[in-house]
C-alpha atoms as a PDB file:
ATOM      1  CA  MET A   1      24.460 158.051 -31.304  1.00  0.00           C
ATOM      2  CA  LYS A   2      27.649 159.635 -31.848  1.00  0.00           C
ATOM      3  CA  LYS A   3      26.172 163.209 -31.108  1.00  0.00           C
ATOM      4  CA  ASN A   4      24.948 161.862 -27.916  1.00  0.00           C
ATOM      5  CA  ILE A   5      28.385 160.686 -26.598  1.00  0.00           C
ATOM      6  CA  THR A   6      30.075 163.799 -27.741  1.00  0.00           C
ATOM      7  CA  THR A   7      27.632 165.527 -25.795  1.00  0.00           C
ATOM      8  CA  LEU A   8      28.424 163.374 -22.805  1.00  0.00           C
ATOM      9  CA  ARG A   9      31.955 163.754 -23.111  1.00  0.00           C
ATOM     10  CA  LYS A  10      31.819 167.662 -22.809  1.00  0.00           C
ATOM     11  CA  LEU A  11      29.498 167.302 -19.718  1.00  0.00           C
ATOM     12  CA  VAL A  12      32.128 164.978 -18.190  1.00  0.00           C
ATOM     13  CA  SER A  13      35.150 167.310 -19.212  1.00  0.00           C
ATOM     14  CA  LEU A  14      33.011 170.234 -17.870  1.00  0.00           C
ATOM     15  CA  GLY A  15      32.272 168.794 -14.713  1.00  0.00           C
ATOM     16  CA  MET A  16      35.818 167.786 -14.140  1.00  0.00           C
ATOM     17  CA  SER A  17      36.770 171.365 -14.823  1.00  0.00           C
ATOM     18  CA  VAL A  18      33.994 172.645 -12.321  1.00  0.00           C
ATOM     19  CA  CYS A  19      35.726 170.103  -9.856  1.00  0.00           C
ATOM     20  CA  VAL A  20      39.056 171.305 -10.383  1.00  0.00           C
ATOM     21  CA  ALA A  21      38.016 174.886 -10.056  1.00  0.00           C
ATOM     22  CA  LEU A  22      36.138 174.237  -6.749  1.00  0.00           C
ATOM     23  CA  THR A  23      39.103 172.336  -5.436  1.00  0.00           C
ATOM     24  CA  MET A  24      41.529 175.100  -6.225  1.00  0.00           C
ATOM     25  CA  THR A  25      39.286 177.589  -4.542  1.00  0.00           C
ATOM     26  CA  MET A  26      38.911 175.599  -1.567  1.00  0.00           C
ATOM     27  CA  LEU A  27      42.640 175.004  -1.279  1.00  0.00           C
ATOM     28  CA  ALA A  28      43.248 178.646  -1.818  1.00  0.00           C
ATOM     29  CA  GLY A  29      40.423 179.813   0.832  1.00  0.00           C
ATOM     30  CA  CYS A  30      42.256 177.388   3.264  1.00  0.00           C
ATOM     31  CA  ALA A  31      45.560 179.193   2.491  1.00  0.00           C
ATOM     32  CA  LYS A  32      43.995 182.571   3.264  1.00  0.00           C
ATOM     33  CA  THR A  33      42.721 181.335   6.578  1.00  0.00           C
ATOM     34  CA  ARG A  34      45.875 179.845   7.900  1.00  0.00           C
ATOM     35  CA  LYS A  35      45.833 181.161  11.370  1.00  0.00           C
ATOM     36  CA  THR A  36      48.869 183.134  12.629  1.00  0.00           C
ATOM     37  CA  VAL A  37      49.187 184.243  15.963  1.00  0.00           C
ATOM     38  CA  GLU A  38      50.983 186.565  18.427  1.00  0.00           C
ATOM     39  CA  ILE A  39      53.326 184.579  20.920  1.00  0.00           C
ATOM     40  CA  LYS A  40      52.073 186.102  24.421  1.00  0.00           C
ATOM     41  CA  GLY A  41      55.657 186.030  26.025  1.00  0.00           C
ATOM     42  CA  LEU A  42      57.016 188.089  23.228  1.00  0.00           C
ATOM     43  CA  THR A  43      54.362 190.485  22.862  1.00  0.00           C
ATOM     44  CA  GLU A  44      54.596 191.160  26.756  1.00  0.00           C
ATOM     45  CA  LEU A  45      58.375 191.720  26.380  1.00  0.00           C
ATOM     46  CA  LYS A  46      58.175 194.140  23.407  1.00  0.00           C
ATOM     47  CA  ALA A  47      55.718 196.450  25.146  1.00  0.00           C
ATOM     48  CA  LYS A  48      58.167 196.796  27.994  1.00  0.00           C
ATOM     49  CA  THR A  49      60.860 197.779  25.871  1.00  0.00           C
ATOM     50  CA  GLU A  50      58.844 200.852  24.900  1.00  0.00           C
ATOM     51  CA  ASP A  51      58.967 201.876  28.594  1.00  0.00           C
ATOM     52  CA  SER A  52      62.027 203.878  29.498  1.00  0.00           C
ATOM     53  CA  LYS A  53      61.962 202.684  33.033  1.00  0.00           C
ATOM     54  CA  TYR A  54      63.131 199.166  31.818  1.00  0.00           C
ATOM     55  CA  HIS A  55      66.577 198.198  31.759  1.00  0.00           C
ATOM     56  CA  LEU A  56      67.038 195.768  28.596  1.00  0.00           C
ATOM     57  CA  GLN A  57      69.398 192.896  28.089  1.00  0.00           C
ATOM     58  CA  GLY A  58      69.394 189.753  26.052  1.00  0.00           C
ATOM     59  CA  ALA A  59      71.753 186.866  24.512  1.00  0.00           C
ATOM     60  CA  MET A  60      71.892 185.197  21.276  1.00  0.00           C
ATOM     61  CA  ALA A  61      73.834 182.193  19.991  1.00  0.00           C
ATOM     62  CA  VAL A  62      74.171 180.711  16.739  1.00  0.00           C
ATOM     63  CA  PHE A  63      75.300 177.031  16.434  1.00  0.00           C
ATOM     64  CA  ASP A  64      76.307 175.546  12.938  1.00  0.00           C
ATOM     65  CA  GLY A  65      76.836 171.899  14.305  1.00  0.00           C
ATOM     66  CA  LYS A  66      80.430 172.016  15.298  1.00  0.00           C
ATOM     67  CA  GLU A  67      80.975 175.841  16.435  1.00  0.00           C
ATOM     68  CA  LEU A  68      78.778 177.904  18.704  1.00  0.00           C
ATOM     69  CA  ARG A  69      79.225 181.856  18.580  1.00  0.00           C
ATOM     70  CA  TYR A  70      77.697 183.481  21.383  1.00  0.00           C
ATOM     71  CA  SER A  71      76.878 187.536  22.506  1.00  0.00           C
ATOM     72  CA  SER A  72      75.399 189.076  25.054  1.00  0.00           C
ATOM     73  CA  PHE A  73      74.037 192.841  24.770  1.00  0.00           C
ATOM     74  CA  ASP A  74      71.415 195.491  25.873  1.00  0.00           C
ATOM     75  CA  ALA A  75      70.648 198.283  23.685  1.00  0.00           C
ATOM     76  CA  GLU A  76      70.321 195.740  20.688  1.00  0.00           C
ATOM     77  CA  THR A  77      67.089 193.884  22.795  1.00  0.00           C
ATOM     78  CA  LYS A  78      64.639 196.368  21.557  1.00  0.00           C
ATOM     79  CA  PRO A  79      65.032 196.268  17.823  1.00  0.00           C
ATOM     80  CA  ILE A  80      65.462 192.275  17.947  1.00  0.00           C
ATOM     81  CA  ALA A  81      62.106 192.177  19.820  1.00  0.00           C
ATOM     82  CA  GLU A  82      60.449 194.448  17.474  1.00  0.00           C
ATOM     83  CA  LYS A  83      61.783 192.596  14.205  1.00  0.00           C
ATOM     84  CA  LEU A  84      60.721 188.899  15.964  1.00  0.00           C
ATOM     85  CA  SER A  85      57.284 190.454  16.826  1.00  0.00           C
ATOM     86  CA  LYS A  86      56.587 191.430  13.252  1.00  0.00           C
ATOM     87  CA  GLU A  87      57.047 187.949  12.126  1.00  0.00           C
ATOM     88  CA  LYS A  88      54.142 185.580  11.445  1.00  0.00           C
ATOM     89  CA  TYR A  89      53.868 182.730  13.571  1.00  0.00           C
ATOM     90  CA  GLU A  90      51.662 179.627  12.626  1.00  0.00           C
ATOM     91  CA  PRO A  91      50.797 177.223  15.680  1.00  0.00           C
ATOM     92  CA  CYS A  92      51.940 173.482  14.447  1.00  0.00           C
ATOM     93  CA  ASP A  93      52.040 170.198  16.162  1.00  0.00           C
ATOM     94  CA  ASP A  94      54.203 168.513  13.528  1.00  0.00           C
ATOM     95  CA  TRP A  95      57.495 169.528  15.152  1.00  0.00           C
ATOM     96  CA  ASP A  96      59.927 167.358  16.720  1.00  0.00           C
ATOM     97  CA  PRO A  97      63.907 167.543  17.329  1.00  0.00           C
ATOM     98  CA  GLY A  98      64.357 165.370  14.128  1.00  0.00           C
ATOM     99  CA  LYS A  99      63.395 168.554  11.892  1.00  0.00           C
ATOM    100  CA  VAL A 100      66.303 170.609  13.206  1.00  0.00           C
ATOM    101  CA  THR A 101      68.694 171.692  10.799  1.00  0.00           C
ATOM    102  CA  TYR A 102      71.758 173.784  11.012  1.00  0.00           C
ATOM    103  CA  PRO A 103      72.162 176.550  11.967  1.00  0.00           C
ATOM    104  CA  ILE A 104      70.391 176.852  15.106  1.00  0.00           C
ATOM    105  CA  TYR A 105      69.464 180.505  16.091  1.00  0.00           C
ATOM    106  CA  HIS A 106      68.870 180.971  20.080  1.00  0.00           C
ATOM    107  CA  VAL A 107      67.755 184.007  21.727  1.00  0.00           C
ATOM    108  CA  GLU A 108      67.050 185.408  25.188  1.00  0.00           C
ATOM    109  CA  LEU A 109      65.406 188.791  26.079  1.00  0.00           C
ATOM    110  CA  GLU A 110      64.832 190.376  29.451  1.00  0.00           C
ATOM    111  CA  ALA A 111      63.234 193.510  30.521  1.00  0.00           C
ATOM    112  CA  MET A 112      63.636 194.736  34.103  1.00  0.00           C
ATOM    113  CA  ASN A 113      62.333 197.960  35.895  1.00  0.00           C
ATOM    114  CA  LEU A 114      65.066 198.595  38.452  1.00  0.00           C
ATOM    115  CA  ASP A 115      63.529 201.979  39.356  1.00  0.00           C
ATOM    116  CA  ASP A 116      62.639 202.558  43.094  1.00  0.00           C
ATOM    117  CA  ARG A 117      64.022 199.163  44.479  1.00  0.00           C
ATOM    118  CA  VAL A 118      62.161 198.505  47.517  1.00  0.00           C
ATOM    119  CA  GLU A 119      60.882 195.272  49.129  1.00  0.00           C
ATOM    120  CA  MET A 120      58.119 193.973  46.778  1.00  0.00           C
ATOM    121  CA  THR A 121      55.856 191.248  46.458  1.00  0.00           C
ATOM    122  CA  ASP A 122      56.490 188.413  44.285  1.00  0.00           C
ATOM    123  CA  LYS A 123      53.423 189.921  42.102  1.00  0.00           C
ATOM    124  CA  GLU A 124      55.070 193.298  42.104  1.00  0.00           C
ATOM    125  CA  VAL A 125      58.341 191.670  40.746  1.00  0.00           C
ATOM    126  CA  LEU A 126      56.519 189.644  38.114  1.00  0.00           C
ATOM    127  CA  GLU A 127      54.856 192.878  37.106  1.00  0.00           C
ATOM    128  CA  ARG A 128      58.398 194.716  36.806  1.00  0.00           C
ATOM    129  CA  TYR A 129      60.004 191.668  34.962  1.00  0.00           C
ATOM    130  CA  ALA A 130      59.460 190.030  31.431  1.00  0.00           C
ATOM    131  CA  SER A 131      61.798 187.395  29.853  1.00  0.00           C
ATOM    132  CA  TRP A 132      61.245 185.199  26.572  1.00  0.00           C
ATOM    133  CA  SER A 133      63.486 182.770  25.000  1.00  0.00           C
ATOM    134  CA  ALA A 134      63.506 180.593  21.844  1.00  0.00           C
ATOM    135  CA  PHE A 135      65.407 178.981  19.177  1.00  0.00           C
ATOM    136  CA  TRP A 136      64.346 178.787  15.392  1.00  0.00           C
ATOM    137  CA  SER A 137      65.646 176.435  12.625  1.00  0.00           C
ATOM    138  CA  ASN A 138      64.167 175.076   9.356  1.00  0.00           C
ATOM    139  CA  GLY A 139      61.245 177.337   8.947  1.00  0.00           C
ATOM    140  CA  TYR A 140      60.255 176.393  12.918  1.00  0.00           C
ATOM    141  CA  LEU A 141      60.416 178.452  16.217  1.00  0.00           C
ATOM    142  CA  VAL A 142      59.906 176.479  19.425  1.00  0.00           C
ATOM    143  CA  THR A 143      59.734 178.880  22.686  1.00  0.00           C
ATOM    144  CA  ASN A 144      60.569 178.202  26.272  1.00  0.00           C
ATOM    145  CA  ASP A 145      57.073 176.929  27.344  1.00  0.00           C
ATOM    146  CA  GLY A 146      57.352 174.066  24.833  1.00  0.00           C
ATOM    147  CA  LYS A 147      55.345 175.254  21.675  1.00  0.00           C
ATOM    148  CA  ALA A 148      56.052 175.414  18.129  1.00  0.00           C
ATOM    149  CA  TYR A 149      55.406 177.569  15.456  1.00  0.00           C
ATOM    150  CA  LYS A 150      56.246 177.555  11.719  1.00  0.00           C
ATOM    151  CA  CYS A 151      57.719 180.911  10.637  1.00  0.00           C
ATOM    152  CA  LYS A 152      60.335 182.442   8.345  1.00  0.00           C
ATOM    153  CA  ILE A 153      62.502 184.579  10.434  1.00  0.00           C
ATOM    154  CA  ASP A 154      64.983 186.684   8.422  1.00  0.00           C
ATOM    155  CA  SER A 155      67.644 185.569  10.618  1.00  0.00           C
ATOM    156  CA  ASP A 156      70.243 187.976   8.924  1.00  0.00           C
ATOM    157  CA  SER A 157      68.041 191.011   9.609  1.00  0.00           C
ATOM    158  CA  VAL A 158      67.990 189.927  13.479  1.00  0.00           C
ATOM    159  CA  THR A 159      71.715 189.475  13.897  1.00  0.00           C
ATOM    160  CA  GLU A 160      72.695 192.278  12.023  1.00  0.00           C
ATOM    161  CA  GLU A 161      71.732 194.028  15.119  1.00  0.00           C
ATOM    162  CA  ILE A 162      74.384 192.234  17.398  1.00  0.00           C
ATOM    163  CA  LYS A 163      77.670 193.980  17.361  1.00  0.00           C
ATOM    164  CA  ASP A 164      80.188 191.014  18.444  1.00  0.00           C
ATOM    165  CA  PHE A 165      80.103 187.364  18.665  1.00  0.00           C
ATOM    166  CA  VAL A 166      82.478 185.172  20.601  1.00  0.00           C
ATOM    167  CA  VAL A 167      83.158 181.624  19.722  1.00  0.00           C
ATOM    168  CA  TRP A 168      82.376 179.189  22.616  1.00  0.00           C
ATOM    169  CA  GLY A 169      83.124 175.944  21.241  1.00  0.00           C
ATOM    170  CA  ASN A 170      80.287 173.600  21.507  1.00  0.00           C
ATOM    171  CA  LYS A 171      78.824 174.591  24.863  1.00  0.00           C
ATOM    172  CA  LEU A 172      74.850 173.710  24.454  1.00  0.00           C
ATOM    173  CA  GLU A 173      74.120 175.066  28.036  1.00  0.00           C
ATOM    174  CA  LEU A 174      74.325 178.437  26.182  1.00  0.00           C
ATOM    175  CA  MET A 175      71.112 177.506  24.266  1.00  0.00           C
ATOM    176  CA  PRO A 176      68.923 176.328  27.084  1.00  0.00           C
ATOM    177  CA  VAL A 177      65.615 176.221  25.276  1.00  0.00           C
ATOM    178  CA  TYR A 178      67.258 173.999  22.265  1.00  0.00           C
ATOM    179  CA  ASP A 179      69.347 171.901  24.923  1.00  0.00           C
ATOM    180  CA  ARG A 180      66.067 171.113  26.723  1.00  0.00           C
ATOM    181  CA  MET A 181      63.585 170.704  23.710  1.00  0.00           C
ATOM    182  CA  SER A 182      66.057 168.905  21.538  1.00  0.00           C
ATOM    183  CA  ALA A 183      66.436 166.161  24.180  1.00  0.00           C
ATOM    184  CA  LEU A 184      62.690 165.964  25.554  1.00  0.00           C
ATOM    185  CA  TRP A 185      59.616 166.716  23.278  1.00  0.00           C
ATOM    186  CA  LYS A 186      56.180 165.446  24.047  1.00  0.00           C
ATOM    187  CA  ASP A 187      57.505 163.083  27.142  1.00  0.00           C
ATOM    188  CA  ARG A 188      59.902 161.251  24.706  1.00  0.00           C
ATOM    189  CA  TRP A 189      63.704 161.421  25.105  1.00  0.00           C
ATOM    190  CA  TYR A 190      65.769 161.695  22.345  1.00  0.00           C
ATOM    191  CA  LYS A 191      69.219 160.260  23.374  1.00  0.00           C
ATOM    192  CA  GLU A 192      71.183 161.095  20.293  1.00  0.00           C
ATOM    193  CA  ASN A 193      70.868 165.003  21.461  1.00  0.00           C
ATOM    194  CA  MET A 194      71.986 164.415  25.117  1.00  0.00           C
ATOM    195  CA  GLN A 195      75.550 163.361  26.840  1.00  0.00           C
ATOM    196  CA  THR A 196      76.297 160.394  28.367  1.00  0.00           C
ATOM    197  CA  LEU A 197      77.427 160.075  31.941  1.00  0.00           C
ATOM    198  CA  GLU A 198      80.882 159.638  30.752  1.00  0.00           C
ATOM    199  CA  GLU A 199      80.727 162.574  28.267  1.00  0.00           C
ATOM    200  CA  TYR A 200      79.500 164.851  31.252  1.00  0.00           C
ATOM    201  CA  ILE A 201      82.213 163.771  33.487  1.00  0.00           C
ATOM    202  CA  THR A 202      84.961 164.447  31.009  1.00  0.00           C
ATOM    203  CA  ARG A 203      83.442 167.784  29.806  1.00  0.00           C
ATOM    204  CA  THR A 204      83.030 168.926  33.529  1.00  0.00           C
ATOM    205  CA  PHE A 205      86.147 167.761  35.249  1.00  0.00           C
ATOM    206  CA  ASP A 206      88.593 168.517  32.413  1.00  0.00           C
ATOM    207  CA  GLY A 207      91.203 170.412  34.330  1.00  0.00           C
ATOM    208  CA  GLU A 208      94.419 169.118  35.125  1.00  0.00           C
ATOM    209  CA  SER A 209      94.201 169.945  38.674  1.00  0.00           C
ATOM    210  CA  MET A 210      91.017 168.301  38.915  1.00  0.00           C
ATOM    211  CA  THR A 211      90.258 164.399  39.362  1.00  0.00           C
ATOM    212  CA  VAL A 212      86.973 162.606  39.868  1.00  0.00           C
ATOM    213  CA  SER A 213      86.034 159.156  41.146  1.00  0.00           C
ATOM    214  CA  LYS A 214      83.190 157.089  42.623  1.00  0.00           C
ATOM    215  CA  ALA A 215      82.135 157.995  46.269  1.00  0.00           C
ATOM    216  CA  ASP A 216      84.158 156.250  49.019  1.00  0.00           C
ATOM    217  CA  GLY A 217      83.022 156.886  52.727  1.00  0.00           C
ATOM    218  CA  TRP A 218      79.868 158.758  51.859  1.00  0.00           C
ATOM    219  CA  ASN A 219      76.689 158.475  50.098  1.00  0.00           C
ATOM    220  CA  ALA A 220      73.846 160.429  48.905  1.00  0.00           C
ATOM    221  CA  ALA A 221      69.925 159.859  48.488  1.00  0.00           C
ATOM    222  CA  VAL A 222      66.822 161.329  47.184  1.00  0.00           C
ATOM    223  CA  THR A 223      64.368 162.099  49.969  1.00  0.00           C
ATOM    224  CA  SER A 224      61.826 163.994  48.173  1.00  0.00           C
ATOM    225  CA  ARG A 225      60.654 165.191  44.807  1.00  0.00           C
ATOM    226  CA  ASN A 226      57.883 166.983  42.924  1.00  0.00           C
ATOM    227  CA  ASP A 227      57.664 168.439  39.521  1.00  0.00           C
ATOM    228  CA  GLU A 228      59.519 171.639  40.734  1.00  0.00           C
ATOM    229  CA  GLU A 229      62.169 170.652  43.356  1.00  0.00           C
ATOM    230  CA  ILE A 230      64.372 167.689  44.082  1.00  0.00           C
ATOM    231  CA  THR A 231      66.105 167.303  47.979  1.00  0.00           C
ATOM    232  CA  VAL A 232      69.023 165.095  48.407  1.00  0.00           C
ATOM    233  CA  GLU A 233      70.404 164.026  51.873  1.00  0.00           C
ATOM    234  CA  VAL A 234      74.564 163.798  51.934  1.00  0.00           C
ATOM    235  CA  LYS A 235      75.681 161.595  54.581  1.00  0.00           C
ATOM    236  CA  ASN A 236      79.300 161.405  55.431  1.00  0.00           C
ATOM    237  CA  GLU A 237      79.944 158.053  56.695  1.00  0.00           C
ATOM    238  CA  ASN A 238      83.612 158.278  57.671  1.00  0.00           C
ATOM    239  CA  VAL A 239      85.368 161.007  55.787  1.00  0.00           C
ATOM    240  CA  PRO A 240      87.446 163.298  58.046  1.00  0.00           C
ATOM    241  CA  GLU A 241      86.771 166.297  55.760  1.00  0.00           C
ATOM    242  CA  LEU A 242      84.084 166.357  53.308  1.00  0.00           C
ATOM    243  CA  CYS A 243      82.989 169.396  51.508  1.00  0.00           C
ATOM    244  CA  SER A 244      79.367 169.320  49.928  1.00  0.00           C
ATOM    245  CA  GLY A 245      77.381 172.648  48.776  1.00  0.00           C
ATOM    246  CA  GLU A 246      74.079 174.220  48.346  1.00  0.00           C
ATOM    247  CA  TYR A 247      74.006 172.826  44.670  1.00  0.00           C
ATOM    248  CA  PHE A 248      74.231 169.326  43.291  1.00  0.00           C
ATOM    249  CA  GLY A 249      74.958 168.282  39.912  1.00  0.00           C
ATOM    250  CA  PRO A 250      72.286 167.573  37.047  1.00  0.00           C
ATOM    251  CA  VAL A 251      69.557 164.690  36.694  1.00  0.00           C
ATOM    252  CA  PHE A 252      70.325 161.882  34.410  1.00  0.00           C
ATOM    253  CA  VAL A 253      67.807 159.570  33.099  1.00  0.00           C
ATOM    254  CA  LYS A 254      68.247 155.932  32.175  1.00  0.00           C
ATOM    255  CA  ILE A 255      67.718 154.992  28.419  1.00  0.00           C
ATOM    256  CA  ASP A 256      68.698 151.444  27.148  1.00  0.00           C
ATOM    257  CA  ASN A 257      70.429 150.912  30.189  1.00  0.00           C
ATOM    258  CA  GLU A 258      72.857 154.003  29.983  1.00  0.00           C
ATOM    259  CA  TRP A 259      72.826 157.171  31.855  1.00  0.00           C
ATOM    260  CA  TYR A 260      71.860 160.187  29.907  1.00  0.00           C
ATOM    261  CA  CYS A 261      72.250 163.905  31.342  1.00  0.00           C
ATOM    262  CA  VAL A 262      68.932 165.826  31.581  1.00  0.00           C
ATOM    263  CA  PRO A 263      68.827 169.304  30.289  1.00  0.00           C
ATOM    264  CA  SER A 264      67.445 171.831  32.885  1.00  0.00           C
ATOM    265  CA  ASP A 265      64.044 172.611  32.410  1.00  0.00           C
ATOM    266  CA  VAL A 266      63.618 176.446  31.118  1.00  0.00           C
ATOM    267  CA  SER A 267      59.855 176.742  31.117  1.00  0.00           C
ATOM    268  CA  ASN A 268      59.843 178.028  34.873  1.00  0.00           C
ATOM    269  CA  ASN A 269      63.559 179.038  35.617  1.00  0.00           C
ATOM    270  CA  PRO A 270      64.881 180.684  32.264  1.00  0.00           C
ATOM    271  CA  ASP A 271      68.114 182.029  34.166  1.00  0.00           C
ATOM    272  CA  GLY A 272      68.884 178.992  36.005  1.00  0.00           C
ATOM    273  CA  VAL A 273      70.318 181.001  38.784  1.00  0.00           C
ATOM    274  CA  TYR A 274      71.556 178.965  41.798  1.00  0.00           C
ATOM    275  CA  HIS A 275      73.735 179.399  44.989  1.00  0.00           C
ATOM    276  CA  ASP A 276      76.981 176.932  45.325  1.00  0.00           C
ATOM    277  CA  ILE A 277      78.296 177.766  48.525  1.00  0.00           C
ATOM    278  CA  GLY A 278      80.727 175.157  50.163  1.00  0.00           C
ATOM    279  CA  ILE A 279      79.669 173.724  53.152  1.00  0.00           C
ATOM    280  CA  MET A 280      81.792 171.179  55.472  1.00  0.00           C
ATOM    281  CA  VAL A 281      79.864 167.896  56.472  1.00  0.00           C
ATOM    282  CA  PRO A 282      81.722 166.445  59.677  1.00  0.00           C
ATOM    283  CA  GLN A 283      82.150 162.861  59.781  1.00  0.00           C
ATOM    284  CA  GLY A 284      78.940 161.175  60.921  1.00  0.00           C
ATOM    285  CA  GLY A 285      77.083 164.285  59.926  1.00  0.00           C
ATOM    286  CA  THR A 286      74.318 164.851  57.204  1.00  0.00           C
ATOM    287  CA  GLN A 287      73.769 167.911  54.660  1.00  0.00           C
ATOM    288  CA  THR A 288      70.297 168.354  52.949  1.00  0.00           C
ATOM    289  CA  ILE A 289      70.030 170.021  49.685  1.00  0.00           C
ATOM    290  CA  THR A 290      67.075 170.992  47.804  1.00  0.00           C
ATOM    291  CA  ASN A 291      67.131 172.367  44.070  1.00  0.00           C
ATOM    292  CA  TRP A 292      64.993 173.324  41.295  1.00  0.00           C
ATOM    293  CA  ARG A 293      64.907 170.714  38.816  1.00  0.00           C
ATOM    294  CA  GLY A 294      61.402 170.617  36.982  1.00  0.00           C
ATOM    295  CA  TYR A 295      59.371 168.443  35.149  1.00  0.00           C
ATOM    296  CA  LEU A 296      60.600 164.910  34.413  1.00  0.00           C
ATOM    297  CA  PRO A 297      58.216 162.163  32.559  1.00  0.00           C
ATOM    298  CA  ASN A 298      58.038 158.758  33.808  1.00  0.00           C
ATOM    299  CA  GLY A 299      61.452 156.760  34.012  1.00  0.00           C
ATOM    300  CA  GLU A 300      64.190 155.663  35.895  1.00  0.00           C
ATOM    301  CA  TYR A 301      66.444 158.757  37.275  1.00  0.00           C
ATOM    302  CA  ALA A 302      69.565 159.677  39.245  1.00  0.00           C
ATOM    303  CA  VAL A 303      70.999 162.867  40.538  1.00  0.00           C
ATOM    304  CA  PHE A 304      74.726 163.243  40.060  1.00  0.00           C
ATOM    305  CA  VAL A 305      75.980 164.516  43.468  1.00  0.00           C
ATOM    306  CA  ASP A 306      79.670 165.448  44.063  1.00  0.00           C
ATOM    307  CA  CYS A 307      81.676 166.318  46.805  1.00  0.00           C
ATOM    308  CA  SER A 308      85.219 167.211  47.471  1.00  0.00           C
ATOM    309  CA  LYS A 309      87.489 165.426  49.899  1.00  0.00           C
ATOM    310  CA  ASP A 310      90.427 167.677  48.913  1.00  0.00           C
ATOM    311  CA  THR A 311      91.042 170.547  46.805  1.00  0.00           C
ATOM    312  CA  GLY A 312      90.774 169.454  43.067  1.00  0.00           C
ATOM    313  CA  VAL A 313      89.679 166.094  44.075  1.00  0.00           C
ATOM    314  CA  PHE A 314      86.071 165.150  43.568  1.00  0.00           C
ATOM    315  CA  GLU A 315      83.918 162.287  44.400  1.00  0.00           C
ATOM    316  CA  TYR A 316      80.628 161.486  42.933  1.00  0.00           C
ATOM    317  CA  VAL A 317      77.481 159.302  43.462  1.00  0.00           C
ATOM    318  CA  LEU A 318      74.151 158.890  41.665  1.00  0.00           C
ATOM    319  CA  ALA A 319      71.250 159.133  44.102  1.00  0.00           C
ATOM    320  CA  GLU A 320      68.632 156.939  41.938  1.00  0.00           C
ATOM    321  CA  PHE A 321      64.696 157.402  41.948  1.00  0.00           C
ATOM    322  CA  VAL A 322      61.981 156.552  39.968  1.00  0.00           C
ATOM    323  CA  VAL A 323      59.071 158.607  38.233  1.00  0.00           C
END
């Protein structure tokens, strides 16, 4: 009987060893088959850096939670694109803004073929232009099209290509991908990473010669909206001289009964370029303004519209709408 028990124990021990060995083998197999991918936008841009016809330019920002350092560059674009393209990127679905730790690195890279400047179709323009932007932090990279990857970027190696950084205080608009993705991720707003209306007004109208108050004698209303553009109509009811423009301020979203500034959507408009030409709106007249704004999930929103009655004297109204 004792012999049988000893034999049984040996068999159980052997079975457990086999199970452990199989488990380790399976885990090793899983580790070997972890899927890494090329990032399409980065790959396309890197290819254009090899063509001498393309003009290269870029920018990088580093934010430590208190101070933002920023640099724009041109010749450094090629080696930076090459270094970043050599990294291994594993698609993931577990990232959210809560995983951000400092420092945060933000990069924007562009390549443009400026040869033979002639009238071109939109398709031809796209063929001559490539851009890519992203930020990385805490072992994750998030791109301007809203995709997240696990990675191990050697940040020191990338930043050593850049000659000079300039301190810009705390200007997160210089980090458009981070600014947007840390505020909105998977249709959820993260208000802890957003400016309140009061903070926006203080930060925007902070010059000694500028004052701002709520609109008096004029108003504005949203007349149409889609996932690309918003149209606002400014109406001068009884102001002798009202100066509007071709551009209005940011969109705000109402969260817990308070307005928060919505960072620009960088997925289709990475440069954020716009015209802001002053236009006089006569008393009793109207001015229609259409600007690109991008995607907004369901919620209560308002466009911040400001106009000038006199030099350095501004008034604003929130033109509310619902998505």
